[in-house]
Amino acid sequence: MADYNGWANKETWTVRNWFVDDMAEQAQDNNERVTADYCEEYVSEYLENSVGKVFQGFIGDIVNSFMGTVDWREIADAVNEDVEGEDEEGEDEDAE
Protein backbone atom coordinates (compact mmCIF):
# COMPACT_ATOMS: atom_id res chain seq x y z
CA MET A 1 0.00 0.00 0.00
CA ALA A 2 1.39 3.36 -1.03
CA ASP A 3 1.43 5.97 1.66
CA TYR A 4 4.16 8.46 0.74
CA ASN A 5 3.72 10.32 -2.56
CA GLY A 6 2.45 7.09 -4.12
CA TRP A 7 5.30 4.97 -2.75
CA ALA A 8 5.51 2.45 0.09
CA ASN A 9 7.27 4.92 2.39
CA LYS A 10 9.55 7.96 2.40
CA GLU A 11 12.70 5.83 2.19
CA THR A 12 11.50 4.07 -0.96
CA TRP A 13 10.44 7.39 -2.48
CA THR A 14 13.87 8.88 -1.67
CA VAL A 15 15.72 5.97 -3.31
CA ARG A 16 13.41 6.32 -6.32
CA ASN A 17 14.30 10.00 -6.66
CA TRP A 18 18.03 9.43 -6.42
CA PHE A 19 18.60 6.14 -8.22
CA VAL A 20 15.83 4.80 -10.47
CA ASP A 21 16.80 6.84 -13.55
CA ASP A 22 20.45 5.73 -13.37
CA MET A 23 19.53 2.11 -12.74
CA ALA A 24 17.04 2.18 -15.65
CA GLU A 25 19.65 3.62 -17.98
CA GLN A 26 22.13 0.93 -16.98
CA ALA A 27 19.50 -1.83 -17.32
CA GLN A 28 18.55 -0.56 -20.76
CA ASP A 29 22.20 -0.46 -21.83
CA ASN A 30 22.60 -4.07 -20.63
CA ASN A 31 19.23 -5.05 -22.12
CA GLU A 32 18.11 -6.78 -18.92
CA ARG A 33 15.52 -6.52 -16.18
CA VAL A 34 16.65 -5.78 -12.65
CA THR A 35 15.77 -7.54 -9.41
CA ALA A 36 15.15 -6.20 -5.93
CA ASP A 37 18.52 -7.65 -4.86
CA TYR A 38 20.28 -5.84 -7.71
CA CYS A 39 18.72 -2.53 -6.70
CA GLU A 40 19.71 -2.92 -3.06
CA GLU A 41 23.25 -3.86 -4.06
CA TYR A 42 23.44 -0.86 -6.43
CA VAL A 43 22.55 1.58 -3.65
CA SER A 44 24.79 -0.21 -1.13
CA GLU A 45 27.76 0.04 -3.50
CA TYR A 46 27.00 3.72 -4.06
CA LEU A 47 27.07 4.32 -0.31
CA GLU A 48 30.30 2.38 0.13
CA ASN A 49 31.98 4.24 -2.75
CA SER A 50 30.75 7.62 -1.56
CA VAL A 51 31.92 7.24 2.01
CA GLY A 52 34.82 4.87 1.41
CA LYS A 53 34.23 2.89 4.58
CA VAL A 54 31.69 0.73 6.32
CA PHE A 55 29.15 2.66 8.36
CA GLN A 56 29.52 2.01 12.08
CA GLY A 57 28.01 3.27 15.29
CA PHE A 58 25.16 5.75 15.25
CA ILE A 59 25.51 6.61 11.53
CA GLY A 60 25.60 2.92 10.68
CA ASP A 61 22.41 2.35 12.63
CA ILE A 62 20.68 5.18 10.76
CA VAL A 63 21.84 3.96 7.33
CA ASN A 64 20.95 0.35 8.09
CA SER A 65 17.53 1.37 9.38
CA PHE A 66 16.89 3.43 6.24
CA MET A 67 18.04 0.66 3.91
CA GLY A 68 15.97 -1.89 5.80
CA THR A 69 12.73 -0.02 5.19
CA VAL A 70 13.14 0.53 1.43
CA ASP A 71 10.75 -1.59 -0.62
CA TRP A 72 13.36 -2.93 -3.05
CA ARG A 73 10.76 -4.83 -5.08
CA GLU A 74 8.91 -1.57 -5.70
CA ILE A 75 12.19 0.06 -6.79
CA ALA A 76 12.94 -2.83 -9.17
CA ASP A 77 9.43 -2.60 -10.62
CA ALA A 78 9.91 1.15 -11.20
CA VAL A 79 13.26 0.57 -12.93
CA ASN A 80 11.81 -2.12 -15.16
CA GLU A 81 8.76 0.00 -16.00
CA ASP A 82 11.05 2.90 -16.95
CA VAL A 83 13.06 0.60 -19.23
CA GLU A 84 9.91 -0.81 -20.83
CA GLY A 85 8.58 2.72 -21.34
CA GLU A 86 11.81 3.75 -23.05
CA ASP A 87 11.65 0.67 -25.29
CA GLU A 88 8.09 1.53 -26.33
CA GLU A 89 9.05 5.15 -27.05
CA GLY A 90 11.93 3.96 -29.21
CA GLU A 91 9.60 1.65 -31.14
CA ASP A 92 7.16 4.52 -31.73
CA GLU A 93 9.94 6.72 -33.07
CA ASP A 94 11.12 3.91 -35.38
CA ALA A 95 7.59 3.54 -36.78
CA GLU A 96 7.43 7.18 -37.87
PDB file of N, CA and C in Angstrom:
ATOM      1  N   MET A   1       0.835  -1.179   0.000  1.00  0.00           N
ATOM      2  CA  MET A   1       0.000   0.000   0.000  1.00  0.00           C
ATOM      3  C   MET A   1       0.877   1.239   0.000  1.00  0.00           C
ATOM      4  N   ALA A   2       0.603   2.142  -0.902  1.00  0.00           N
ATOM      5  CA  ALA A   2       1.389   3.358  -1.027  1.00  0.00           C
ATOM      6  C   ALA A   2       0.917   4.395  -0.022  1.00  0.00           C
ATOM      7  N   ASP A   3       1.848   4.928   0.745  1.00  0.00           N
ATOM      8  CA  ASP A   3       1.427   5.974   1.664  1.00  0.00           C
ATOM      9  C   ASP A   3       2.404   7.149   1.751  1.00  0.00           C
ATOM     10  N   TYR A   4       3.313   7.266   0.796  1.00  0.00           N
ATOM     11  CA  TYR A   4       4.160   8.458   0.740  1.00  0.00           C
ATOM     12  C   TYR A   4       4.354   8.835  -0.725  1.00  0.00           C
ATOM     13  N   ASN A   5       3.653   9.858  -1.172  1.00  0.00           N
ATOM     14  CA  ASN A   5       3.723  10.318  -2.561  1.00  0.00           C
ATOM     15  C   ASN A   5       3.548   9.177  -3.562  1.00  0.00           C
ATOM     16  N   GLY A   6       2.708   8.217  -3.223  1.00  0.00           N
ATOM     17  CA  GLY A   6       2.452   7.093  -4.119  1.00  0.00           C
ATOM     18  C   GLY A   6       3.413   5.930  -3.955  1.00  0.00           C
ATOM     19  N   TRP A   7       4.297   6.015  -2.990  1.00  0.00           N
ATOM     20  CA  TRP A   7       5.298   4.966  -2.752  1.00  0.00           C
ATOM     21  C   TRP A   7       5.079   4.338  -1.394  1.00  0.00           C
ATOM     22  N   ALA A   8       5.710   3.210  -1.156  1.00  0.00           N
ATOM     23  CA  ALA A   8       5.510   2.454   0.086  1.00  0.00           C
ATOM     24  C   ALA A   8       5.817   3.289   1.327  1.00  0.00           C
ATOM     25  N   ASN A   9       6.864   4.089   1.257  1.00  0.00           N
ATOM     26  CA  ASN A   9       7.273   4.920   2.393  1.00  0.00           C
ATOM     27  C   ASN A   9       8.267   5.977   1.890  1.00  0.00           C
ATOM     28  N   LYS A  10       8.655   6.863   2.787  1.00  0.00           N
ATOM     29  CA  LYS A  10       9.555   7.959   2.402  1.00  0.00           C
ATOM     30  C   LYS A  10      10.914   7.437   1.941  1.00  0.00           C
ATOM     31  N   GLU A  11      11.391   6.383   2.560  1.00  0.00           N
ATOM     32  CA  GLU A  11      12.697   5.835   2.186  1.00  0.00           C
ATOM     33  C   GLU A  11      12.682   5.301   0.759  1.00  0.00           C
ATOM     34  N   THR A  12      11.616   4.599   0.399  1.00  0.00           N
ATOM     35  CA  THR A  12      11.496   4.069  -0.958  1.00  0.00           C
ATOM     36  C   THR A  12      11.390   5.212  -1.956  1.00  0.00           C
ATOM     37  N   TRP A  13      10.599   6.209  -1.628  1.00  0.00           N
ATOM     38  CA  TRP A  13      10.445   7.392  -2.481  1.00  0.00           C
ATOM     39  C   TRP A  13      11.792   8.102  -2.677  1.00  0.00           C
ATOM     40  N   THR A  14      12.568   8.215  -1.605  1.00  0.00           N
ATOM     41  CA  THR A  14      13.872   8.879  -1.673  1.00  0.00           C
ATOM     42  C   THR A  14      14.819   8.111  -2.593  1.00  0.00           C
ATOM     43  N   VAL A  15      14.873   6.787  -2.438  1.00  0.00           N
ATOM     44  CA  VAL A  15      15.720   5.972  -3.313  1.00  0.00           C
ATOM     45  C   VAL A  15      15.252   6.111  -4.751  1.00  0.00           C
ATOM     46  N   ARG A  16      13.943   6.136  -4.960  1.00  0.00           N
ATOM     47  CA  ARG A  16      13.410   6.316  -6.316  1.00  0.00           C
ATOM     48  C   ARG A  16      13.928   7.619  -6.918  1.00  0.00           C
ATOM     49  N   ASN A  17      13.874   8.689  -6.155  1.00  0.00           N
ATOM     50  CA  ASN A  17      14.300   9.997  -6.661  1.00  0.00           C
ATOM     51  C   ASN A  17      15.784  10.053  -6.994  1.00  0.00           C
ATOM     52  N   TRP A  18      16.590   9.359  -6.226  1.00  0.00           N
ATOM     53  CA  TRP A  18      18.033   9.430  -6.419  1.00  0.00           C
ATOM     54  C   TRP A  18      18.587   8.397  -7.395  1.00  0.00           C
ATOM     55  N   PHE A  19      17.938   7.242  -7.530  1.00  0.00           N
ATOM     56  CA  PHE A  19      18.604   6.142  -8.218  1.00  0.00           C
ATOM     57  C   PHE A  19      17.870   5.497  -9.392  1.00  0.00           C
ATOM     58  N   VAL A  20      16.558   5.572  -9.464  1.00  0.00           N
ATOM     59  CA  VAL A  20      15.833   4.802 -10.472  1.00  0.00           C
ATOM     60  C   VAL A  20      16.255   5.169 -11.894  1.00  0.00           C
ATOM     61  N   ASP A  21      16.421   6.446 -12.190  1.00  0.00           N
ATOM     62  CA  ASP A  21      16.798   6.844 -13.546  1.00  0.00           C
ATOM     63  C   ASP A  21      18.144   6.243 -13.957  1.00  0.00           C
ATOM     64  N   ASP A  22      19.128   6.290 -13.056  1.00  0.00           N
ATOM     65  CA  ASP A  22      20.448   5.734 -13.367  1.00  0.00           C
ATOM     66  C   ASP A  22      20.395   4.218 -13.523  1.00  0.00           C
ATOM     67  N   MET A  23      19.646   3.560 -12.637  1.00  0.00           N
ATOM     68  CA  MET A  23      19.529   2.107 -12.745  1.00  0.00           C
ATOM     69  C   MET A  23      18.795   1.716 -14.024  1.00  0.00           C
ATOM     70  N   ALA A  24      17.777   2.480 -14.410  1.00  0.00           N
ATOM     71  CA  ALA A  24      17.040   2.176 -15.646  1.00  0.00           C
ATOM     72  C   ALA A  24      17.929   2.357 -16.863  1.00  0.00           C
ATOM     73  N   GLU A  25      18.734   3.396 -16.862  1.00  0.00           N
ATOM     74  CA  GLU A  25      19.653   3.619 -17.985  1.00  0.00           C
ATOM     75  C   GLU A  25      20.639   2.463 -18.102  1.00  0.00           C
ATOM     76  N   GLN A  26      21.179   2.037 -16.970  1.00  0.00           N
ATOM     77  CA  GLN A  26      22.131   0.930 -16.980  1.00  0.00           C
ATOM     78  C   GLN A  26      21.452  -0.375 -17.420  1.00  0.00           C
ATOM     79  N   ALA A  27      20.232  -0.613 -16.937  1.00  0.00           N
ATOM     80  CA  ALA A  27      19.497  -1.828 -17.319  1.00  0.00           C
ATOM     81  C   ALA A  27      19.194  -1.822 -18.807  1.00  0.00           C
ATOM     82  N   GLN A  28      18.845  -0.655 -19.334  1.00  0.00           N
ATOM     83  CA  GLN A  28      18.555  -0.563 -20.763  1.00  0.00           C
ATOM     84  C   GLN A  28      19.823  -0.808 -21.577  1.00  0.00           C
ATOM     85  N   ASP A  29      20.937  -0.242 -21.131  1.00  0.00           N
ATOM     86  CA  ASP A  29      22.204  -0.460 -21.827  1.00  0.00           C
ATOM     87  C   ASP A  29      22.580  -1.944 -21.841  1.00  0.00           C
ATOM     88  N   ASN A  30      22.276  -2.638 -20.740  1.00  0.00           N
ATOM     89  CA  ASN A  30      22.597  -4.068 -20.633  1.00  0.00           C
ATOM     90  C   ASN A  30      21.483  -4.957 -21.164  1.00  0.00           C
ATOM     91  N   ASN A  31      20.378  -4.333 -21.572  1.00  0.00           N
ATOM     92  CA  ASN A  31      19.229  -5.052 -22.122  1.00  0.00           C
ATOM     93  C   ASN A  31      18.751  -6.159 -21.184  1.00  0.00           C
ATOM     94  N   GLU A  32      18.566  -5.791 -19.890  1.00  0.00           N
ATOM     95  CA  GLU A  32      18.110  -6.780 -18.915  1.00  0.00           C
ATOM     96  C   GLU A  32      17.218  -6.140 -17.858  1.00  0.00           C
ATOM     97  N   ARG A  33      16.364  -6.961 -17.289  1.00  0.00           N
ATOM     98  CA  ARG A  33      15.517  -6.524 -16.184  1.00  0.00           C
ATOM     99  C   ARG A  33      16.327  -6.590 -14.896  1.00  0.00           C
ATOM    100  N   VAL A  34      15.957  -5.763 -13.926  1.00  0.00           N
ATOM    101  CA  VAL A  34      16.654  -5.777 -12.646  1.00  0.00           C
ATOM    102  C   VAL A  34      15.794  -6.467 -11.594  1.00  0.00           C
ATOM    103  N   THR A  35      16.451  -6.911 -10.545  1.00  0.00           N
ATOM    104  CA  THR A  35      15.774  -7.542  -9.415  1.00  0.00           C
ATOM    105  C   THR A  35      15.866  -6.628  -8.202  1.00  0.00           C
ATOM    106  N   ALA A  36      15.089  -6.949  -7.184  1.00  0.00           N
ATOM    107  CA  ALA A  36      15.154  -6.197  -5.933  1.00  0.00           C
ATOM    108  C   ALA A  36      16.565  -6.293  -5.338  1.00  0.00           C
ATOM    109  N   ASP A  37      17.163  -7.468  -5.393  1.00  0.00           N
ATOM    110  CA  ASP A  37      18.519  -7.649  -4.857  1.00  0.00           C
ATOM    111  C   ASP A  37      19.526  -6.770  -5.600  1.00  0.00           C
ATOM    112  N   TYR A  38      19.386  -6.697  -6.917  1.00  0.00           N
ATOM    113  CA  TYR A  38      20.278  -5.845  -7.711  1.00  0.00           C
ATOM    114  C   TYR A  38      20.160  -4.396  -7.265  1.00  0.00           C
ATOM    115  N   CYS A  39      18.940  -3.927  -7.079  1.00  0.00           N
ATOM    116  CA  CYS A  39      18.721  -2.527  -6.700  1.00  0.00           C
ATOM    117  C   CYS A  39      19.325  -2.219  -5.334  1.00  0.00           C
ATOM    118  N   GLU A  40      19.135  -3.119  -4.397  1.00  0.00           N
ATOM    119  CA  GLU A  40      19.705  -2.923  -3.063  1.00  0.00           C
ATOM    120  C   GLU A  40      21.234  -2.901  -3.133  1.00  0.00           C
ATOM    121  N   GLU A  41      21.792  -3.804  -3.903  1.00  0.00           N
ATOM    122  CA  GLU A  41      23.254  -3.860  -4.058  1.00  0.00           C
ATOM    123  C   GLU A  41      23.775  -2.585  -4.723  1.00  0.00           C
ATOM    124  N   TYR A  42      23.056  -2.081  -5.718  1.00  0.00           N
ATOM    125  CA  TYR A  42      23.443  -0.863  -6.431  1.00  0.00           C
ATOM    126  C   TYR A  42      23.555   0.309  -5.449  1.00  0.00           C
ATOM    127  N   VAL A  43      22.546   0.472  -4.611  1.00  0.00           N
ATOM    128  CA  VAL A  43      22.552   1.577  -3.647  1.00  0.00           C
ATOM    129  C   VAL A  43      23.612   1.342  -2.575  1.00  0.00           C
ATOM    130  N   SER A  44      23.762   0.111  -2.128  1.00  0.00           N
ATOM    131  CA  SER A  44      24.791  -0.208  -1.127  1.00  0.00           C
ATOM    132  C   SER A  44      26.188   0.105  -1.645  1.00  0.00           C
ATOM    133  N   GLU A  45      26.451  -0.255  -2.900  1.00  0.00           N
ATOM    134  CA  GLU A  45      27.760   0.036  -3.496  1.00  0.00           C
ATOM    135  C   GLU A  45      27.970   1.543  -3.621  1.00  0.00           C
ATOM    136  N   TYR A  46      26.908   2.263  -3.988  1.00  0.00           N
ATOM    137  CA  TYR A  46      27.001   3.720  -4.063  1.00  0.00           C
ATOM    138  C   TYR A  46      27.401   4.297  -2.699  1.00  0.00           C
ATOM    139  N   LEU A  47      26.756   3.828  -1.653  1.00  0.00           N
ATOM    140  CA  LEU A  47      27.069   4.315  -0.312  1.00  0.00           C
ATOM    141  C   LEU A  47      28.510   3.999   0.066  1.00  0.00           C
ATOM    142  N   GLU A  48      28.931   2.772  -0.196  1.00  0.00           N
ATOM    143  CA  GLU A  48      30.304   2.377   0.128  1.00  0.00           C
ATOM    144  C   GLU A  48      31.317   3.210  -0.651  1.00  0.00           C
ATOM    145  N   ASN A  49      31.056   3.455  -1.937  1.00  0.00           N
ATOM    146  CA  ASN A  49      31.983   4.238  -2.753  1.00  0.00           C
ATOM    147  C   ASN A  49      31.975   5.709  -2.375  1.00  0.00           C
ATOM    148  N   SER A  50      30.848   6.214  -1.928  1.00  0.00           N
ATOM    149  CA  SER A  50      30.749   7.624  -1.560  1.00  0.00           C
ATOM    150  C   SER A  50      31.464   7.925  -0.256  1.00  0.00           C
ATOM    151  N   VAL A  51      31.349   7.011   0.691  1.00  0.00           N
ATOM    152  CA  VAL A  51      31.923   7.237   2.010  1.00  0.00           C
ATOM    153  C   VAL A  51      33.305   6.606   2.124  1.00  0.00           C
ATOM    154  N   GLY A  52      33.514   5.515   1.406  1.00  0.00           N
ATOM    155  CA  GLY A  52      34.817   4.867   1.410  1.00  0.00           C
ATOM    156  C   GLY A  52      35.079   3.995   2.617  1.00  0.00           C
ATOM    157  N   LYS A  53      34.054   3.765   3.434  1.00  0.00           N
ATOM    158  CA  LYS A  53      34.234   2.890   4.582  1.00  0.00           C
ATOM    159  C   LYS A  53      32.881   2.331   4.988  1.00  0.00           C
ATOM    160  N   VAL A  54      32.921   1.340   5.824  1.00  0.00           N
ATOM    161  CA  VAL A  54      31.692   0.732   6.324  1.00  0.00           C
ATOM    162  C   VAL A  54      31.110   1.653   7.394  1.00  0.00           C
ATOM    163  N   PHE A  55      29.803   1.835   7.358  1.00  0.00           N
ATOM    164  CA  PHE A  55      29.149   2.656   8.365  1.00  0.00           C
ATOM    165  C   PHE A  55      29.131   1.912   9.693  1.00  0.00           C
ATOM    166  N   GLN A  56      29.508   2.614  10.751  1.00  0.00           N
ATOM    167  CA  GLN A  56      29.520   2.013  12.077  1.00  0.00           C
ATOM    168  C   GLN A  56      28.862   2.966  13.064  1.00  0.00           C
ATOM    169  N   GLY A  57      28.549   2.452  14.227  1.00  0.00           N
ATOM    170  CA  GLY A  57      28.007   3.271  15.293  1.00  0.00           C
ATOM    171  C   GLY A  57      26.655   3.869  14.941  1.00  0.00           C
ATOM    172  N   PHE A  58      26.434   5.069  15.426  1.00  0.00           N
ATOM    173  CA  PHE A  58      25.158   5.751  15.246  1.00  0.00           C
ATOM    174  C   PHE A  58      24.804   5.931  13.776  1.00  0.00           C
ATOM    175  N   ILE A  59      25.761   6.398  12.963  1.00  0.00           N
ATOM    176  CA  ILE A  59      25.507   6.609  11.531  1.00  0.00           C
ATOM    177  C   ILE A  59      25.178   5.277  10.867  1.00  0.00           C
ATOM    178  N   GLY A  60      25.881   4.242  11.223  1.00  0.00           N
ATOM    179  CA  GLY A  60      25.599   2.915  10.680  1.00  0.00           C
ATOM    180  C   GLY A  60      24.192   2.456  11.014  1.00  0.00           C
ATOM    181  N   ASP A  61      23.764   2.720  12.243  1.00  0.00           N
ATOM    182  CA  ASP A  61      22.406   2.352  12.633  1.00  0.00           C
ATOM    183  C   ASP A  61      21.372   3.100  11.799  1.00  0.00           C
ATOM    184  N   ILE A  62      21.616   4.381  11.554  1.00  0.00           N
ATOM    185  CA  ILE A  62      20.682   5.178  10.756  1.00  0.00           C
ATOM    186  C   ILE A  62      20.634   4.655   9.320  1.00  0.00           C
ATOM    187  N   VAL A  63      21.786   4.445   8.710  1.00  0.00           N
ATOM    188  CA  VAL A  63      21.842   3.962   7.329  1.00  0.00           C
ATOM    189  C   VAL A  63      21.194   2.584   7.219  1.00  0.00           C
ATOM    190  N   ASN A  64      21.515   1.694   8.124  1.00  0.00           N
ATOM    191  CA  ASN A  64      20.949   0.346   8.085  1.00  0.00           C
ATOM    192  C   ASN A  64      19.436   0.366   8.298  1.00  0.00           C
ATOM    193  N   SER A  65      18.965   1.244   9.167  1.00  0.00           N
ATOM    194  CA  SER A  65      17.526   1.371   9.381  1.00  0.00           C
ATOM    195  C   SER A  65      16.839   1.865   8.111  1.00  0.00           C
ATOM    196  N   PHE A  66      17.423   2.878   7.496  1.00  0.00           N
ATOM    197  CA  PHE A  66      16.887   3.432   6.243  1.00  0.00           C
ATOM    198  C   PHE A  66      16.838   2.353   5.167  1.00  0.00           C
ATOM    199  N   MET A  67      17.956   1.682   4.961  1.00  0.00           N
ATOM    200  CA  MET A  67      18.044   0.661   3.911  1.00  0.00           C
ATOM    201  C   MET A  67      17.084  -0.494   4.185  1.00  0.00           C
ATOM    202  N   GLY A  68      16.851  -0.795   5.438  1.00  0.00           N
ATOM    203  CA  GLY A  68      15.970  -1.892   5.800  1.00  0.00           C
ATOM    204  C   GLY A  68      14.495  -1.614   5.567  1.00  0.00           C
ATOM    205  N   THR A  69      14.142  -0.349   5.392  1.00  0.00           N
ATOM    206  CA  THR A  69      12.730  -0.015   5.186  1.00  0.00           C
ATOM    207  C   THR A  69      12.390   0.257   3.729  1.00  0.00           C
ATOM    208  N   VAL A  70      13.393   0.312   2.861  1.00  0.00           N
ATOM    209  CA  VAL A  70      13.138   0.527   1.435  1.00  0.00           C
ATOM    210  C   VAL A  70      12.454  -0.705   0.860  1.00  0.00           C
ATOM    211  N   ASP A  71      11.429  -0.490   0.070  1.00  0.00           N
ATOM    212  CA  ASP A  71      10.749  -1.589  -0.622  1.00  0.00           C
ATOM    213  C   ASP A  71      11.500  -1.816  -1.938  1.00  0.00           C
ATOM    214  N   TRP A  72      12.477  -2.714  -1.904  1.00  0.00           N
ATOM    215  CA  TRP A  72      13.357  -2.932  -3.051  1.00  0.00           C
ATOM    216  C   TRP A  72      12.614  -3.526  -4.234  1.00  0.00           C
ATOM    217  N   ARG A  73      11.562  -4.287  -3.987  1.00  0.00           N
ATOM    218  CA  ARG A  73      10.759  -4.831  -5.079  1.00  0.00           C
ATOM    219  C   ARG A  73      10.059  -3.688  -5.820  1.00  0.00           C
ATOM    220  N   GLU A  74       9.563  -2.713  -5.070  1.00  0.00           N
ATOM    221  CA  GLU A  74       8.909  -1.568  -5.697  1.00  0.00           C
ATOM    222  C   GLU A  74       9.916  -0.767  -6.530  1.00  0.00           C
ATOM    223  N   ILE A  75      11.138  -0.643  -6.043  1.00  0.00           N
ATOM    224  CA  ILE A  75      12.191   0.055  -6.794  1.00  0.00           C
ATOM    225  C   ILE A  75      12.495  -0.710  -8.079  1.00  0.00           C
ATOM    226  N   ALA A  76      12.655  -2.022  -7.980  1.00  0.00           N
ATOM    227  CA  ALA A  76      12.936  -2.832  -9.174  1.00  0.00           C
ATOM    228  C   ALA A  76      11.805  -2.716 -10.187  1.00  0.00           C
ATOM    229  N   ASP A  77      10.571  -2.750  -9.710  1.00  0.00           N
ATOM    230  CA  ASP A  77       9.429  -2.595 -10.617  1.00  0.00           C
ATOM    231  C   ASP A  77       9.474  -1.247 -11.333  1.00  0.00           C
ATOM    232  N   ALA A  78       9.835  -0.187 -10.598  1.00  0.00           N
ATOM    233  CA  ALA A  78       9.908   1.147 -11.198  1.00  0.00           C
ATOM    234  C   ALA A  78      11.012   1.216 -12.252  1.00  0.00           C
ATOM    235  N   VAL A  79      12.155   0.604 -11.957  1.00  0.00           N
ATOM    236  CA  VAL A  79      13.258   0.573 -12.925  1.00  0.00           C
ATOM    237  C   VAL A  79      12.806  -0.156 -14.184  1.00  0.00           C
ATOM    238  N   ASN A  80      12.223  -1.324 -14.015  1.00  0.00           N
ATOM    239  CA  ASN A  80      11.807  -2.125 -15.160  1.00  0.00           C
ATOM    240  C   ASN A  80      10.702  -1.436 -15.959  1.00  0.00           C
ATOM    241  N   GLU A  81       9.801  -0.753 -15.293  1.00  0.00           N
ATOM    242  CA  GLU A  81       8.759   0.004 -15.996  1.00  0.00           C
ATOM    243  C   GLU A  81       9.373   1.146 -16.802  1.00  0.00           C
ATOM    244  N   ASP A  82      10.371   1.823 -16.224  1.00  0.00           N
ATOM    245  CA  ASP A  82      11.051   2.900 -16.955  1.00  0.00           C
ATOM    246  C   ASP A  82      11.727   2.354 -18.209  1.00  0.00           C
ATOM    247  N   VAL A  83      12.379   1.214 -18.090  1.00  0.00           N
ATOM    248  CA  VAL A  83      13.059   0.600 -19.234  1.00  0.00           C
ATOM    249  C   VAL A  83      12.034   0.210 -20.296  1.00  0.00           C
ATOM    250  N   GLU A  84      10.947  -0.412 -19.885  1.00  0.00           N
ATOM    251  CA  GLU A  84       9.907  -0.810 -20.835  1.00  0.00           C
ATOM    252  C   GLU A  84       9.295   0.406 -21.519  1.00  0.00           C
ATOM    253  N   GLY A  85       9.110   1.492 -20.765  1.00  0.00           N
ATOM    254  CA  GLY A  85       8.583   2.722 -21.339  1.00  0.00           C
ATOM    255  C   GLY A  85       9.524   3.305 -22.371  1.00  0.00           C
ATOM    256  N   GLU A  86      10.819   3.262 -22.093  1.00  0.00           N
ATOM    257  CA  GLU A  86      11.813   3.746 -23.048  1.00  0.00           C
ATOM    258  C   GLU A  86      11.818   2.889 -24.302  1.00  0.00           C
ATOM    259  N   ASP A  87      11.687   1.572 -24.130  1.00  0.00           N
ATOM    260  CA  ASP A  87      11.650   0.672 -25.285  1.00  0.00           C
ATOM    261  C   ASP A  87      10.447   0.981 -26.171  1.00  0.00           C
ATOM    262  N   GLU A  88       9.302   1.218 -25.559  1.00  0.00           N
ATOM    263  CA  GLU A  88       8.095   1.526 -26.327  1.00  0.00           C
ATOM    264  C   GLU A  88       8.229   2.863 -27.045  1.00  0.00           C
ATOM    265  N   GLU A  89       8.840   3.869 -26.392  1.00  0.00           N
ATOM    266  CA  GLU A  89       9.048   5.154 -27.052  1.00  0.00           C
ATOM    267  C   GLU A  89       9.961   4.997 -28.244  1.00  0.00           C
ATOM    268  N   GLY A  90      11.007   4.197 -28.105  1.00  0.00           N
ATOM    269  CA  GLY A  90      11.925   3.963 -29.207  1.00  0.00           C
ATOM    270  C   GLY A  90      11.241   3.267 -30.369  1.00  0.00           C
ATOM    271  N   GLU A  91      10.344   2.333 -30.074  1.00  0.00           N
ATOM    272  CA  GLU A  91       9.604   1.646 -31.140  1.00  0.00           C
ATOM    273  C   GLU A  91       8.684   2.622 -31.865  1.00  0.00           C
ATOM    274  N   ASP A  92       8.038   3.524 -31.116  1.00  0.00           N
ATOM    275  CA  ASP A  92       7.158   4.515 -31.731  1.00  0.00           C
ATOM    276  C   ASP A  92       7.932   5.434 -32.664  1.00  0.00           C
ATOM    277  N   GLU A  93       9.117   5.843 -32.244  1.00  0.00           N
ATOM    278  CA  GLU A  93       9.936   6.720 -33.073  1.00  0.00           C
ATOM    279  C   GLU A  93      10.379   6.003 -34.338  1.00  0.00           C
ATOM    280  N   ASP A  94      10.697   4.695 -34.226  1.00  0.00           N
ATOM    281  CA  ASP A  94      11.124   3.914 -35.382  1.00  0.00           C
ATOM    282  C   ASP A  94       9.987   3.763 -36.400  1.00  0.00           C
ATOM    283  N   ALA A  95       8.757   3.742 -35.906  1.00  0.00           N
ATOM    284  CA  ALA A  95       7.593   3.536 -36.778  1.00  0.00           C
ATOM    285  C   ALA A  95       7.280   4.780 -37.600  1.00  0.00           C
ATOM    286  N   GLU A  96       7.741   5.931 -37.159  1.00  0.00           N
ATOM    287  CA  GLU A  96       7.428   7.184 -37.869  1.00  0.00           C
ATOM    288  C   GLU A  96       8.211   7.368 -39.121  1.00  0.00           C
TER     289      GLU A  96
END
